[in-house]
Amino acid sequence: MQISEDTLAVINYLHEAIEGGLRKRNDVAVVLELAAAADDADTFNNVTRLGTGAWKVYSTLRRVRPGDDGYRLLEEEFARQINDLREHLAVLMHSAEDETLKRFDEVYFGMTQGVLRNLVDLSHDLSKIKDLQRGA
């Protein structure tokens, strides 16, 4: 997928502004480019909101032990946030080229531990973008 100069400028800014940089820089660029091309800021904002929610729940899950009070509820909430994130990513993918769609299908829409790790990394980036939007 061809990424526009405007999107590259945004990605470079984000990568520099976020401590530790973006984990999924190229994929965030694709998501931004697809949202911009479709003039779909609402879906992009929903993607960042859901990524932020998934990242927050994941961060809490890492501090809690299985069997602790609320652990199962946190797992369920994390699964819900991840599934909602995937649904919104799928909306953006409707206009993607076949090669991009195939790559995102393998990286974000499968049912493996690797896919889950990729979604967590993408959620991290989306959360950091949302923080920048808020001025945090």
N, C-alpha and C. Protein backbone atom coordinates (compact mmCIF):
# COMPACT_ATOMS: atom_id res chain seq x y z
N MET A 1 0.84 -1.17 0.00
CA MET A 1 0.00 0.00 0.00
C MET A 1 0.88 1.24 0.00
N GLN A 2 0.53 2.19 -0.84
CA GLN A 2 1.26 3.44 -0.91
C GLN A 2 0.81 4.36 0.23
N ILE A 3 1.75 4.81 1.03
CA ILE A 3 1.47 5.72 2.14
C ILE A 3 1.80 7.13 1.70
N SER A 4 0.86 8.05 1.89
CA SER A 4 1.05 9.43 1.46
C SER A 4 2.11 10.14 2.30
N GLU A 5 2.64 11.22 1.75
CA GLU A 5 3.63 12.02 2.47
C GLU A 5 3.02 12.59 3.75
N ASP A 6 1.76 12.99 3.71
CA ASP A 6 1.10 13.52 4.91
C ASP A 6 1.04 12.48 6.02
N THR A 7 0.66 11.26 5.66
CA THR A 7 0.58 10.19 6.65
C THR A 7 1.96 9.86 7.18
N LEU A 8 2.97 9.83 6.31
CA LEU A 8 4.34 9.58 6.77
C LEU A 8 4.81 10.66 7.74
N ALA A 9 4.43 11.90 7.48
CA ALA A 9 4.81 12.98 8.39
C ALA A 9 4.16 12.78 9.76
N VAL A 10 2.91 12.37 9.77
CA VAL A 10 2.22 12.11 11.03
C VAL A 10 2.88 10.94 11.76
N ILE A 11 3.17 9.89 11.05
CA ILE A 11 3.80 8.70 11.65
C ILE A 11 5.17 9.06 12.22
N ASN A 12 5.93 9.82 11.48
CA ASN A 12 7.26 10.23 11.99
C ASN A 12 7.12 11.06 13.26
N TYR A 13 6.15 11.97 13.27
CA TYR A 13 5.91 12.78 14.46
C TYR A 13 5.52 11.88 15.64
N LEU A 14 4.57 10.97 15.42
CA LEU A 14 4.12 10.08 16.48
C LEU A 14 5.26 9.23 17.01
N HIS A 15 6.05 8.70 16.11
CA HIS A 15 7.16 7.83 16.50
C HIS A 15 8.15 8.59 17.40
N GLU A 16 8.38 9.85 17.08
CA GLU A 16 9.29 10.67 17.89
C GLU A 16 8.64 11.11 19.20
N ALA A 17 7.35 11.41 19.17
CA ALA A 17 6.65 11.95 20.35
C ALA A 17 6.35 10.90 21.41
N ILE A 18 6.24 9.65 20.98
CA ILE A 18 5.89 8.57 21.90
C ILE A 18 7.16 7.96 22.47
N GLU A 19 7.25 7.96 23.79
CA GLU A 19 8.43 7.39 24.44
C GLU A 19 8.57 5.92 24.03
N GLY A 20 9.71 5.57 23.49
CA GLY A 20 9.94 4.21 23.02
C GLY A 20 9.47 3.99 21.60
N GLY A 21 8.80 4.97 21.01
CA GLY A 21 8.35 4.88 19.63
C GLY A 21 7.13 3.99 19.45
N LEU A 22 6.71 3.89 18.23
CA LEU A 22 5.58 3.03 17.87
C LEU A 22 6.05 1.59 17.71
N ARG A 23 5.30 0.65 18.23
CA ARG A 23 5.64 -0.77 18.09
C ARG A 23 5.22 -1.31 16.73
N LYS A 24 4.14 -0.79 16.20
CA LYS A 24 3.59 -1.24 14.91
C LYS A 24 3.48 -0.06 13.95
N ARG A 25 4.60 0.59 13.77
CA ARG A 25 4.66 1.84 12.99
C ARG A 25 4.02 1.70 11.61
N ASN A 26 4.40 0.70 10.85
CA ASN A 26 3.87 0.53 9.49
C ASN A 26 2.38 0.24 9.49
N ASP A 27 1.91 -0.53 10.45
CA ASP A 27 0.50 -0.85 10.51
C ASP A 27 -0.34 0.34 10.93
N VAL A 28 0.19 1.15 11.85
CA VAL A 28 -0.50 2.39 12.22
C VAL A 28 -0.59 3.30 10.99
N ALA A 29 0.46 3.33 10.19
CA ALA A 29 0.44 4.13 8.97
C ALA A 29 -0.66 3.65 8.03
N VAL A 30 -0.81 2.35 7.89
CA VAL A 30 -1.87 1.80 7.02
C VAL A 30 -3.25 2.19 7.55
N VAL A 31 -3.44 2.05 8.85
CA VAL A 31 -4.73 2.40 9.45
C VAL A 31 -5.03 3.88 9.23
N LEU A 32 -4.05 4.73 9.48
CA LEU A 32 -4.23 6.17 9.25
C LEU A 32 -4.53 6.48 7.78
N GLU A 33 -3.79 5.85 6.90
CA GLU A 33 -3.96 6.10 5.46
C GLU A 33 -5.35 5.67 4.99
N LEU A 34 -5.79 4.50 5.44
CA LEU A 34 -7.11 4.02 5.04
C LEU A 34 -8.21 4.92 5.58
N ALA A 35 -8.07 5.36 6.82
CA ALA A 35 -9.07 6.26 7.42
C ALA A 35 -9.09 7.59 6.68
N ALA A 36 -7.92 8.12 6.35
CA ALA A 36 -7.85 9.40 5.64
C ALA A 36 -8.43 9.27 4.24
N ALA A 37 -8.09 8.19 3.55
CA ALA A 37 -8.58 7.99 2.19
C ALA A 37 -10.10 7.85 2.16
N ALA A 38 -10.66 7.25 3.19
CA ALA A 38 -12.11 7.06 3.27
C ALA A 38 -12.80 8.25 3.94
N ASP A 39 -12.00 9.25 4.36
CA ASP A 39 -12.54 10.40 5.09
C ASP A 39 -13.39 9.92 6.26
N ASP A 40 -12.80 8.99 7.03
CA ASP A 40 -13.52 8.30 8.10
C ASP A 40 -12.84 8.51 9.45
N ALA A 41 -12.88 9.73 9.93
CA ALA A 41 -12.27 10.05 11.22
C ALA A 41 -12.99 9.32 12.36
N ASP A 42 -14.29 9.12 12.22
CA ASP A 42 -15.04 8.44 13.29
C ASP A 42 -14.53 7.03 13.53
N THR A 43 -14.31 6.28 12.47
CA THR A 43 -13.81 4.92 12.64
C THR A 43 -12.40 4.94 13.22
N PHE A 44 -11.56 5.87 12.76
CA PHE A 44 -10.22 5.95 13.34
C PHE A 44 -10.29 6.30 14.82
N ASN A 45 -11.16 7.23 15.18
CA ASN A 45 -11.31 7.58 16.60
C ASN A 45 -11.83 6.40 17.40
N ASN A 46 -12.73 5.62 16.83
CA ASN A 46 -13.21 4.41 17.51
C ASN A 46 -12.09 3.39 17.66
N VAL A 47 -11.26 3.26 16.65
CA VAL A 47 -10.12 2.33 16.72
C VAL A 47 -9.17 2.76 17.83
N THR A 48 -8.88 4.06 17.93
CA THR A 48 -7.97 4.51 18.99
C THR A 48 -8.62 4.35 20.36
N ARG A 49 -9.91 4.60 20.45
CA ARG A 49 -10.62 4.42 21.73
C ARG A 49 -10.59 2.96 22.18
N LEU A 50 -10.88 2.06 21.25
CA LEU A 50 -10.89 0.64 21.58
C LEU A 50 -9.49 0.12 21.88
N GLY A 51 -8.51 0.59 21.12
CA GLY A 51 -7.12 0.21 21.40
C GLY A 51 -6.69 0.68 22.78
N THR A 52 -7.11 1.88 23.15
CA THR A 52 -6.79 2.41 24.48
C THR A 52 -7.42 1.54 25.56
N GLY A 53 -8.69 1.19 25.36
CA GLY A 53 -9.37 0.34 26.34
C GLY A 53 -8.71 -1.02 26.47
N ALA A 54 -8.37 -1.61 25.33
CA ALA A 54 -7.72 -2.93 25.36
C ALA A 54 -6.37 -2.83 26.06
N TRP A 55 -5.61 -1.77 25.79
CA TRP A 55 -4.29 -1.60 26.42
C TRP A 55 -4.42 -1.44 27.93
N LYS A 56 -5.40 -0.66 28.37
CA LYS A 56 -5.59 -0.45 29.81
C LYS A 56 -5.97 -1.76 30.51
N VAL A 57 -6.88 -2.52 29.91
CA VAL A 57 -7.29 -3.78 30.53
C VAL A 57 -6.11 -4.76 30.52
N TYR A 58 -5.38 -4.82 29.42
CA TYR A 58 -4.21 -5.69 29.34
C TYR A 58 -3.18 -5.32 30.41
N SER A 59 -2.94 -4.03 30.59
CA SER A 59 -1.98 -3.58 31.59
C SER A 59 -2.42 -3.98 32.99
N THR A 60 -3.71 -3.93 33.26
CA THR A 60 -4.23 -4.35 34.55
C THR A 60 -4.10 -5.87 34.70
N LEU A 61 -4.41 -6.61 33.64
CA LEU A 61 -4.29 -8.08 33.69
C LEU A 61 -2.87 -8.52 34.01
N ARG A 62 -1.88 -7.80 33.53
CA ARG A 62 -0.49 -8.16 33.80
C ARG A 62 -0.13 -8.03 35.27
N ARG A 63 -0.87 -7.18 36.00
CA ARG A 63 -0.57 -6.97 37.42
C ARG A 63 -1.37 -7.88 38.34
N VAL A 64 -2.37 -8.56 37.78
CA VAL A 64 -3.27 -9.39 38.58
C VAL A 64 -2.94 -10.86 38.30
N ARG A 65 -3.07 -11.68 39.33
CA ARG A 65 -2.79 -13.12 39.15
C ARG A 65 -4.07 -13.86 38.82
N PRO A 66 -3.97 -14.91 38.00
CA PRO A 66 -5.16 -15.74 37.77
C PRO A 66 -5.69 -16.25 39.11
N GLY A 67 -6.98 -16.21 39.26
CA GLY A 67 -7.60 -16.63 40.51
C GLY A 67 -7.93 -15.47 41.43
N ASP A 68 -7.28 -14.31 41.22
CA ASP A 68 -7.60 -13.14 42.02
C ASP A 68 -9.02 -12.68 41.70
N ASP A 69 -9.62 -11.97 42.64
CA ASP A 69 -10.95 -11.41 42.42
C ASP A 69 -10.96 -10.55 41.17
N GLY A 70 -11.94 -10.78 40.33
CA GLY A 70 -12.11 -9.96 39.15
C GLY A 70 -11.27 -10.36 37.95
N TYR A 71 -10.37 -11.33 38.11
CA TYR A 71 -9.50 -11.71 37.00
C TYR A 71 -10.30 -12.18 35.79
N ARG A 72 -11.29 -13.03 36.05
CA ARG A 72 -12.10 -13.56 34.94
C ARG A 72 -12.85 -12.44 34.23
N LEU A 73 -13.36 -11.49 35.00
CA LEU A 73 -14.06 -10.35 34.39
C LEU A 73 -13.12 -9.51 33.55
N LEU A 74 -11.89 -9.32 34.02
CA LEU A 74 -10.90 -8.59 33.24
C LEU A 74 -10.58 -9.32 31.93
N GLU A 75 -10.45 -10.65 32.01
CA GLU A 75 -10.20 -11.43 30.80
C GLU A 75 -11.33 -11.26 29.79
N GLU A 76 -12.57 -11.31 30.30
CA GLU A 76 -13.73 -11.16 29.42
C GLU A 76 -13.77 -9.76 28.80
N GLU A 77 -13.47 -8.76 29.59
CA GLU A 77 -13.45 -7.38 29.08
C GLU A 77 -12.35 -7.20 28.04
N PHE A 78 -11.18 -7.79 28.29
CA PHE A 78 -10.09 -7.72 27.33
C PHE A 78 -10.50 -8.37 26.01
N ALA A 79 -11.11 -9.54 26.08
CA ALA A 79 -11.56 -10.23 24.86
C ALA A 79 -12.58 -9.38 24.11
N ARG A 80 -13.48 -8.75 24.84
CA ARG A 80 -14.50 -7.90 24.21
C ARG A 80 -13.84 -6.70 23.51
N GLN A 81 -12.91 -6.05 24.21
CA GLN A 81 -12.22 -4.89 23.63
C GLN A 81 -11.45 -5.29 22.37
N ILE A 82 -10.76 -6.42 22.43
CA ILE A 82 -9.98 -6.89 21.27
C ILE A 82 -10.90 -7.21 20.10
N ASN A 83 -12.02 -7.88 20.37
CA ASN A 83 -12.95 -8.21 19.29
C ASN A 83 -13.56 -6.96 18.68
N ASP A 84 -13.91 -5.98 19.51
CA ASP A 84 -14.44 -4.72 18.99
C ASP A 84 -13.39 -4.00 18.15
N LEU A 85 -12.14 -4.02 18.61
CA LEU A 85 -11.05 -3.41 17.85
C LEU A 85 -10.92 -4.07 16.48
N ARG A 86 -10.96 -5.38 16.46
CA ARG A 86 -10.86 -6.11 15.18
C ARG A 86 -12.00 -5.72 14.24
N GLU A 87 -13.21 -5.61 14.80
CA GLU A 87 -14.37 -5.24 13.96
C GLU A 87 -14.17 -3.87 13.32
N HIS A 88 -13.65 -2.91 14.09
CA HIS A 88 -13.43 -1.58 13.53
C HIS A 88 -12.26 -1.56 12.55
N LEU A 89 -11.25 -2.36 12.81
CA LEU A 89 -10.17 -2.49 11.82
C LEU A 89 -10.70 -3.08 10.52
N ALA A 90 -11.60 -4.04 10.64
CA ALA A 90 -12.19 -4.67 9.45
C ALA A 90 -12.97 -3.66 8.62
N VAL A 91 -13.63 -2.71 9.27
CA VAL A 91 -14.34 -1.66 8.55
C VAL A 91 -13.36 -0.86 7.69
N LEU A 92 -12.23 -0.51 8.25
CA LEU A 92 -11.22 0.23 7.49
C LEU A 92 -10.64 -0.61 6.35
N MET A 93 -10.58 -1.91 6.53
CA MET A 93 -9.96 -2.80 5.54
C MET A 93 -10.82 -2.98 4.28
N HIS A 94 -12.06 -2.54 4.30
CA HIS A 94 -12.93 -2.70 3.13
C HIS A 94 -12.35 -2.05 1.88
N SER A 95 -11.59 -0.98 2.06
CA SER A 95 -11.03 -0.30 0.89
C SER A 95 -9.56 -0.64 0.66
N ALA A 96 -9.03 -1.58 1.42
CA ALA A 96 -7.61 -1.94 1.31
C ALA A 96 -7.37 -2.81 0.07
N GLU A 97 -6.16 -2.71 -0.43
CA GLU A 97 -5.74 -3.57 -1.54
C GLU A 97 -5.61 -5.00 -1.02
N ASP A 98 -5.66 -5.96 -1.94
CA ASP A 98 -5.63 -7.37 -1.55
C ASP A 98 -4.39 -7.72 -0.72
N GLU A 99 -3.24 -7.19 -1.10
CA GLU A 99 -2.00 -7.50 -0.38
C GLU A 99 -2.08 -7.00 1.08
N THR A 100 -2.58 -5.80 1.26
CA THR A 100 -2.72 -5.24 2.61
C THR A 100 -3.75 -6.03 3.40
N LEU A 101 -4.86 -6.35 2.76
CA LEU A 101 -5.91 -7.12 3.42
C LEU A 101 -5.39 -8.48 3.86
N LYS A 102 -4.63 -9.15 3.00
CA LYS A 102 -4.07 -10.45 3.33
C LYS A 102 -3.11 -10.34 4.52
N ARG A 103 -2.27 -9.31 4.52
CA ARG A 103 -1.32 -9.14 5.61
C ARG A 103 -2.04 -8.88 6.93
N PHE A 104 -3.02 -7.98 6.93
CA PHE A 104 -3.76 -7.69 8.15
C PHE A 104 -4.55 -8.91 8.61
N ASP A 105 -5.04 -9.69 7.66
CA ASP A 105 -5.76 -10.91 8.02
C ASP A 105 -4.85 -11.86 8.79
N GLU A 106 -3.62 -12.01 8.33
CA GLU A 106 -2.66 -12.90 9.00
C GLU A 106 -2.19 -12.33 10.34
N VAL A 107 -1.99 -11.02 10.40
CA VAL A 107 -1.38 -10.39 11.57
C VAL A 107 -2.39 -10.07 12.67
N TYR A 108 -3.63 -9.70 12.28
CA TYR A 108 -4.60 -9.21 13.28
C TYR A 108 -5.92 -9.96 13.36
N PHE A 109 -6.23 -10.77 12.37
CA PHE A 109 -7.55 -11.40 12.38
C PHE A 109 -7.52 -12.90 12.60
N GLY A 110 -6.35 -13.48 12.79
CA GLY A 110 -6.25 -14.91 13.07
C GLY A 110 -6.57 -15.22 14.52
N MET A 111 -6.39 -16.46 14.90
CA MET A 111 -6.70 -16.90 16.27
C MET A 111 -5.49 -17.57 16.91
N THR A 112 -4.36 -16.90 16.89
CA THR A 112 -3.15 -17.46 17.49
C THR A 112 -2.62 -16.53 18.58
N GLN A 113 -1.69 -17.02 19.39
CA GLN A 113 -1.07 -16.19 20.41
C GLN A 113 -0.30 -15.03 19.76
N GLY A 114 0.31 -15.30 18.61
CA GLY A 114 1.05 -14.25 17.90
C GLY A 114 0.13 -13.11 17.48
N VAL A 115 -1.06 -13.45 17.01
CA VAL A 115 -2.05 -12.44 16.63
C VAL A 115 -2.43 -11.61 17.85
N LEU A 116 -2.63 -12.27 18.97
CA LEU A 116 -2.99 -11.56 20.19
C LEU A 116 -1.87 -10.60 20.60
N ARG A 117 -0.64 -11.04 20.50
CA ARG A 117 0.50 -10.15 20.82
C ARG A 117 0.55 -8.96 19.86
N ASN A 118 0.28 -9.22 18.59
CA ASN A 118 0.25 -8.12 17.61
C ASN A 118 -0.85 -7.11 17.95
N LEU A 119 -2.02 -7.61 18.36
CA LEU A 119 -3.12 -6.73 18.74
C LEU A 119 -2.78 -5.93 20.00
N VAL A 120 -2.07 -6.55 20.93
CA VAL A 120 -1.64 -5.84 22.13
C VAL A 120 -0.67 -4.72 21.75
N ASP A 121 0.29 -5.02 20.88
CA ASP A 121 1.24 -4.00 20.45
C ASP A 121 0.55 -2.86 19.70
N LEU A 122 -0.39 -3.19 18.83
CA LEU A 122 -1.15 -2.16 18.13
C LEU A 122 -1.97 -1.35 19.12
N SER A 123 -2.56 -2.02 20.11
CA SER A 123 -3.33 -1.32 21.14
C SER A 123 -2.45 -0.34 21.92
N HIS A 124 -1.22 -0.76 22.20
CA HIS A 124 -0.26 0.14 22.86
C HIS A 124 -0.11 1.42 22.05
N ASP A 125 0.15 1.26 20.76
CA ASP A 125 0.35 2.43 19.90
C ASP A 125 -0.89 3.30 19.85
N LEU A 126 -2.05 2.68 19.71
CA LEU A 126 -3.30 3.44 19.63
C LEU A 126 -3.56 4.18 20.94
N SER A 127 -3.21 3.56 22.05
CA SER A 127 -3.37 4.20 23.35
C SER A 127 -2.47 5.43 23.46
N LYS A 128 -1.25 5.31 22.99
CA LYS A 128 -0.31 6.43 23.04
C LYS A 128 -0.77 7.56 22.12
N ILE A 129 -1.34 7.21 20.98
CA ILE A 129 -1.89 8.23 20.08
C ILE A 129 -3.05 8.96 20.76
N LYS A 130 -3.92 8.20 21.43
CA LYS A 130 -5.04 8.80 22.13
C LYS A 130 -4.53 9.73 23.24
N ASP A 131 -3.48 9.32 23.94
CA ASP A 131 -2.89 10.18 24.97
C ASP A 131 -2.42 11.50 24.36
N LEU A 132 -1.78 11.44 23.19
CA LEU A 132 -1.32 12.66 22.53
C LEU A 132 -2.51 13.53 22.12
N GLN A 133 -3.59 12.91 21.66
CA GLN A 133 -4.78 13.66 21.28
C GLN A 133 -5.35 14.42 22.47
N ARG A 134 -5.28 13.79 23.63
CA ARG A 134 -5.81 14.40 24.86
C ARG A 134 -4.87 15.43 25.45
N GLY A 135 -3.61 15.41 24.97
CA GLY A 135 -2.62 16.32 25.52
C GLY A 135 -1.98 15.81 26.79
N ALA A 136 -2.08 14.48 27.00
CA ALA A 136 -1.52 13.89 28.22
C ALA A 136 -0.03 13.73 28.14
